[in-house]
């Protein structure tokens, strides 16, 4: 059987044998390209986005932003605030400052 002739033939005009032969032998598979998908960064926008990210109120989100702890995760252009969510959570998780335990506090 000629593969070129079978490929030009309409499907409803083929016999079952011709169709199976074309499926098994005539399928020239184009070379597949593999794509590497870079993980997309998750961003939140504005004070409301920070509040949703940390699960807090808007005034608390504003205090978090003003504290400077997550400054490296924030990009601000005019009034638009864009926050890299993963970096903000990582930066906020680091313990810096806070109350120091002295000799009087330990019992």
Protein backbone atom coordinates (compact mmCIF):
# COMPACT_ATOMS: atom_id res chain seq x y z
CA UNK A 1 0.00 0.00 0.00
CA UNK A 2 1.22 3.46 -0.88
CA UNK A 3 1.28 5.76 2.16
CA UNK A 4 1.03 8.97 0.09
CA UNK A 5 -2.06 7.67 -1.67
CA UNK A 6 -3.64 6.67 1.62
CA UNK A 7 -2.92 10.07 3.16
CA UNK A 8 -4.67 11.82 0.28
CA UNK A 9 -7.68 9.49 0.53
CA UNK A 10 -10.64 10.68 2.60
CA UNK A 11 -11.15 8.84 5.87
CA UNK A 12 -14.68 7.67 5.08
CA UNK A 13 -13.43 6.12 1.82
CA UNK A 14 -10.79 3.95 3.55
CA UNK A 15 -11.29 0.36 4.52
CA UNK A 16 -10.54 -0.70 8.05
CA UNK A 17 -7.35 -2.40 6.90
CA UNK A 18 -6.12 0.74 5.14
CA UNK A 19 -6.90 2.88 8.16
CA UNK A 20 -5.02 0.58 10.55
CA UNK A 21 -2.06 0.39 8.15
CA UNK A 22 -1.93 4.18 7.94
CA UNK A 23 -2.10 4.49 11.73
CA UNK A 24 0.76 2.07 12.26
CA UNK A 25 3.06 3.08 9.41
CA UNK A 26 2.14 6.48 8.11
CA UNK A 27 2.31 8.50 11.26
CA UNK A 28 5.43 10.56 10.83
CA UNK A 29 5.79 11.98 14.30
CA UNK A 30 7.10 15.52 14.33
CA UNK A 31 9.97 15.96 16.74
CA UNK A 32 8.60 17.16 20.04
CA UNK A 33 10.23 20.09 21.67
CA UNK A 34 10.59 20.00 25.38
CA UNK A 35 9.76 23.22 27.13
CA UNK A 36 11.11 24.15 30.50
CA UNK A 37 8.52 26.12 32.41
CA UNK A 38 10.01 28.45 34.96
CA UNK A 39 8.03 28.62 38.16
CA UNK A 40 6.04 31.78 38.11
CA UNK A 41 6.45 34.19 40.96
CA UNK A 42 3.36 34.91 42.95
CA UNK A 43 2.70 38.56 43.50
CA UNK A 44 0.17 40.39 45.62
CA UNK A 45 -0.82 43.97 45.04
CA UNK A 46 -1.40 46.80 47.48
CA UNK A 47 -1.93 46.94 51.21
CA UNK A 48 -4.97 44.69 50.86
CA UNK A 49 -2.78 42.06 49.17
CA UNK A 50 -0.28 42.23 52.05
CA UNK A 51 -3.17 41.85 54.51
CA UNK A 52 -4.48 38.76 52.70
CA UNK A 53 -0.96 37.29 52.44
CA UNK A 54 -0.29 37.59 56.18
CA UNK A 55 -3.89 37.03 57.25
CA UNK A 56 -4.13 40.28 59.15
CA UNK A 57 -6.08 43.55 59.07
CA UNK A 58 -5.29 46.39 56.70
CA UNK A 59 -3.88 48.64 59.48
CA UNK A 60 -1.59 45.78 60.59
CA UNK A 61 -0.52 45.21 56.97
CA UNK A 62 0.31 48.89 56.74
CA UNK A 63 2.44 48.60 59.91
CA UNK A 64 4.24 45.57 58.45
CA UNK A 65 5.03 47.55 55.30
CA UNK A 66 6.14 50.62 57.25
CA UNK A 67 8.36 48.52 59.56
CA UNK A 68 10.77 47.85 56.70
CA UNK A 69 10.98 44.10 57.35
CA UNK A 70 9.69 43.21 53.90
CA UNK A 71 11.23 46.11 51.96
CA UNK A 72 13.26 43.79 49.69
CA UNK A 73 10.03 42.09 48.57
CA UNK A 74 8.23 45.36 47.78
CA UNK A 75 8.38 47.24 44.50
CA UNK A 76 6.49 50.50 44.61
CA UNK A 77 5.90 52.68 41.57
CA UNK A 78 3.91 55.74 42.53
CA UNK A 79 0.91 54.45 44.43
CA UNK A 80 1.09 50.93 43.00
CA UNK A 81 2.57 48.40 45.43
CA UNK A 82 3.74 45.02 44.11
CA UNK A 83 4.91 42.44 46.63
CA UNK A 84 6.74 39.17 45.88
CA UNK A 85 4.71 36.90 48.15
CA UNK A 86 7.30 34.16 48.71
CA UNK A 87 10.09 36.60 49.53
CA UNK A 88 7.83 38.62 51.84
CA UNK A 89 6.86 35.52 53.81
CA UNK A 90 10.50 34.48 54.05
CA UNK A 91 11.62 37.93 55.22
CA UNK A 92 8.81 38.21 57.75
CA UNK A 93 9.65 34.79 59.16
CA UNK A 94 13.14 35.82 60.21
CA UNK A 95 13.36 36.79 63.84
CA UNK A 96 15.19 40.05 64.35
CA UNK A 97 14.99 42.37 67.28
CA UNK A 98 12.28 41.77 69.79
CA UNK A 99 12.58 41.45 73.52
CA UNK A 100 15.84 40.18 74.93
CA UNK A 101 15.75 37.68 77.74
CA UNK A 102 17.71 38.97 80.69
CA UNK A 103 18.75 37.38 83.94
CA UNK A 104 15.65 38.72 85.73
CA UNK A 105 13.28 37.12 83.22
CA UNK A 106 14.67 33.60 83.58
CA UNK A 107 13.35 31.64 86.53
